[in-house]
Amino acid sequence: MKPPTDTATRDPSDSQASDNQTPTEVMHDLTSRLAELKEYFAYYLSAKADLIRVSIRKMGTFAVLGAVGLIAAGALVATAVALLCIGLAGALGALFGIPWLGNIVLGLLVPVIVGISVQLGMKTLFKQWHHQTVEKYESRQSEQRSEYGRDVREQSAVDARRQ
């Protein structure tokens, strides 16, 4: 009887059992190769999981950096606006000859200007959205007329007369 061969020294590319192997040796070889395949698959899954973890960490890091940058930019803008307002208030106070009057006038004027700007901006934005929606439905009605010979409004009027 032939002594069992060591699978570690056998050529791994030799995947076929030789004719002189016993069934026990073939099963042992198959079991060993399946264990090896299982380890490689586990290694692959572990590498993919680590890749996902690294991607999530990078996204988290960039999100935090973005938030910090946004806070810093907001603070910079707020500081610039505050310094501008302080300068304007001082200039108005010097113009009126009463230093504290510039602070009061500007303190009342800035919120009014901001409120009017917000109202105008919102009005413009809503007008634009309304215009886009009207254009969308007019376009669809035009397509309906060209495809079906009538649009939804005309069909609705026909249906209303039938009732």
Protein backbone atom coordinates (compact mmCIF):
# COMPACT_ATOMS: atom_id res chain seq x y z
CA MET A 1 0.00 0.00 0.00
CA LYS A 2 1.19 3.47 -0.88
CA PRO A 3 1.80 5.95 1.96
CA PRO A 4 -0.59 8.96 2.04
CA THR A 5 0.69 12.02 0.25
CA ASP A 6 0.95 15.34 1.98
CA THR A 7 -1.46 17.82 0.38
CA ALA A 8 0.78 20.73 1.37
CA THR A 9 3.58 19.48 -0.87
CA ARG A 10 1.32 18.53 -3.77
CA ASP A 11 1.07 20.95 -6.69
CA PRO A 12 -2.04 23.06 -6.04
CA SER A 13 -2.76 23.33 -9.77
CA ASP A 14 -3.20 19.57 -9.88
CA SER A 15 -6.90 19.49 -9.15
CA GLN A 16 -7.60 16.03 -10.48
CA ALA A 17 -7.08 12.99 -8.35
CA SER A 18 -4.48 10.66 -9.78
CA ASP A 19 -5.43 7.12 -10.66
CA ASN A 20 -3.28 5.70 -7.91
CA GLN A 21 -5.03 7.59 -5.06
CA THR A 22 -7.34 5.70 -2.80
CA PRO A 23 -10.88 7.01 -2.18
CA THR A 24 -9.84 8.01 1.33
CA GLU A 25 -6.97 10.07 -0.06
CA VAL A 26 -9.27 11.68 -2.60
CA MET A 27 -11.77 12.62 0.13
CA HIS A 28 -8.98 13.94 2.33
CA ASP A 29 -7.67 16.01 -0.60
CA LEU A 30 -11.17 17.28 -1.40
CA THR A 31 -11.81 18.20 2.23
CA SER A 32 -8.50 20.01 2.40
CA ARG A 33 -9.19 21.94 -0.80
CA LEU A 34 -12.71 22.88 0.36
CA ALA A 35 -11.25 24.18 3.64
CA GLU A 36 -8.73 26.19 1.62
CA LEU A 37 -11.50 27.56 -0.61
CA LYS A 38 -13.56 28.44 2.46
CA GLU A 39 -10.60 30.35 3.92
CA TYR A 40 -10.04 32.25 0.65
CA PHE A 41 -13.74 33.14 0.46
CA ALA A 42 -13.72 34.34 4.08
CA TYR A 43 -10.60 36.39 3.29
CA TYR A 44 -12.37 37.94 0.28
CA LEU A 45 -15.47 38.79 2.34
CA SER A 46 -13.33 40.27 5.09
CA ALA A 47 -11.46 42.44 2.57
CA LYS A 48 -14.75 43.66 1.07
CA ALA A 49 -16.15 44.44 4.54
CA ASP A 50 -12.99 46.39 5.40
CA LEU A 51 -13.30 48.30 2.12
CA ILE A 52 -16.86 49.28 3.03
CA ARG A 53 -15.76 50.31 6.54
CA VAL A 54 -12.98 52.48 5.12
CA SER A 55 -15.41 54.11 2.68
CA ILE A 56 -17.87 54.85 5.51
CA ARG A 57 -15.07 56.30 7.65
CA LYS A 58 -13.95 58.52 4.78
CA MET A 59 -17.50 59.74 4.18
CA GLY A 60 -17.91 60.46 7.90
CA THR A 61 -14.62 62.34 8.00
CA PHE A 62 -15.56 64.44 4.98
CA ALA A 63 -19.00 65.13 6.44
CA VAL A 64 -17.45 66.37 9.68
CA LEU A 65 -14.90 68.48 7.79
CA GLY A 66 -17.70 69.92 5.66
CA ALA A 67 -19.73 70.78 8.75
CA VAL A 68 -16.74 72.44 10.41
CA GLY A 69 -16.01 74.36 7.20
CA LEU A 70 -19.63 75.48 6.96
CA ILE A 71 -19.60 76.67 10.57
CA ALA A 72 -16.32 78.52 10.00
CA ALA A 73 -17.66 80.16 6.81
CA GLY A 74 -20.85 81.17 8.63
CA ALA A 75 -18.84 82.68 11.46
CA LEU A 76 -16.68 84.55 8.97
CA VAL A 77 -19.70 85.99 7.17
CA ALA A 78 -21.40 86.89 10.47
CA THR A 79 -18.24 88.66 11.66
CA ALA A 80 -17.93 90.57 8.39
CA VAL A 81 -21.58 91.66 8.52
CA ALA A 82 -21.23 92.69 12.18
CA LEU A 83 -18.14 94.76 11.45
CA LEU A 84 -19.86 96.38 8.46
CA CYS A 85 -22.90 97.24 10.58
CA ILE A 86 -20.72 98.66 13.35
CA GLY A 87 -18.88 100.81 10.83
CA LEU A 88 -22.09 102.03 9.20
CA ALA A 89 -23.64 102.78 12.59
CA GLY A 90 -20.57 104.79 13.55
CA ALA A 91 -20.71 106.67 10.25
CA LEU A 92 -24.43 107.45 10.73
CA GLY A 93 -23.76 108.54 14.32
CA ALA A 94 -21.02 110.89 13.13
CA LEU A 95 -23.32 112.18 10.37
CA PHE A 96 -26.13 112.91 12.85
CA GLY A 97 -23.73 114.26 15.44
CA ILE A 98 -25.15 111.86 18.07
CA PRO A 99 -23.13 108.60 18.23
CA TRP A 100 -25.86 106.40 19.68
CA LEU A 101 -28.44 107.51 17.08
CA GLY A 102 -26.50 105.71 14.32
CA ASN A 103 -26.82 102.43 16.22
CA ILE A 104 -30.58 102.86 16.63
CA VAL A 105 -31.22 103.87 13.03
CA LEU A 106 -29.15 101.03 11.64
CA GLY A 107 -30.62 98.59 14.17
CA LEU A 108 -34.08 99.40 12.80
CA LEU A 109 -33.07 99.72 9.16
CA VAL A 110 -31.23 96.38 8.77
CA PRO A 111 -34.16 94.12 9.80
CA VAL A 112 -36.51 96.11 7.56
CA ILE A 113 -34.15 95.72 4.59
CA VAL A 114 -33.70 92.01 5.32
CA GLY A 115 -37.47 91.49 5.62
CA ILE A 116 -38.20 93.27 2.35
CA SER A 117 -35.43 91.31 0.60
CA VAL A 118 -36.77 88.00 1.89
CA GLN A 119 -40.32 88.89 0.81
CA LEU A 120 -39.20 89.91 -2.68
CA GLY A 121 -37.04 86.81 -3.00
CA MET A 122 -39.86 84.49 -1.94
CA LYS A 123 -42.34 86.23 -4.24
CA THR A 124 -39.96 85.87 -7.18
CA LEU A 125 -39.27 82.23 -6.34
CA PHE A 126 -42.97 81.33 -6.03
CA LYS A 127 -43.72 83.14 -9.29
CA GLN A 128 -40.97 81.16 -11.03
CA TRP A 129 -42.25 77.84 -9.63
CA HIS A 130 -45.81 78.69 -10.70
CA HIS A 131 -44.61 79.60 -14.20
CA GLN A 132 -42.67 76.31 -14.51
CA THR A 133 -45.71 74.29 -13.38
CA VAL A 134 -48.02 76.09 -15.84
CA GLU A 135 -45.52 75.52 -18.67
CA LYS A 136 -45.28 71.82 -17.77
CA TYR A 137 -49.04 71.28 -18.00
CA GLU A 138 -49.45 73.44 -21.11
CA SER A 139 -46.76 71.34 -22.77
CA ARG A 140 -48.51 68.12 -21.78
CA GLN A 141 -51.84 69.44 -23.10
CA SER A 142 -50.17 70.35 -26.38
CA GLU A 143 -48.74 66.81 -26.63
CA GLN A 144 -52.20 65.39 -25.88
CA ARG A 145 -53.77 67.50 -28.64
CA SER A 146 -51.18 66.38 -31.17
CA GLU A 147 -51.43 62.70 -30.17
CA TYR A 148 -55.14 62.30 -29.35
CA GLY A 149 -56.78 65.25 -31.12
CA ARG A 150 -57.89 66.82 -27.83
CA ASP A 151 -56.43 67.56 -24.42
CA VAL A 152 -57.56 66.74 -20.90
CA ARG A 153 -59.44 70.04 -20.51
CA GLU A 154 -61.43 69.52 -23.71
CA GLN A 155 -62.21 65.91 -22.75
CA SER A 156 -63.34 67.05 -19.30
CA ALA A 157 -65.74 69.56 -20.91
CA VAL A 158 -67.15 66.81 -23.17
CA ASP A 159 -67.62 64.51 -20.16
CA ALA A 160 -69.36 67.30 -18.21
CA ARG A 161 -71.85 67.92 -21.04
CA ARG A 162 -72.71 64.20 -21.16
CA GLN A 163 -73.77 64.18 -17.53
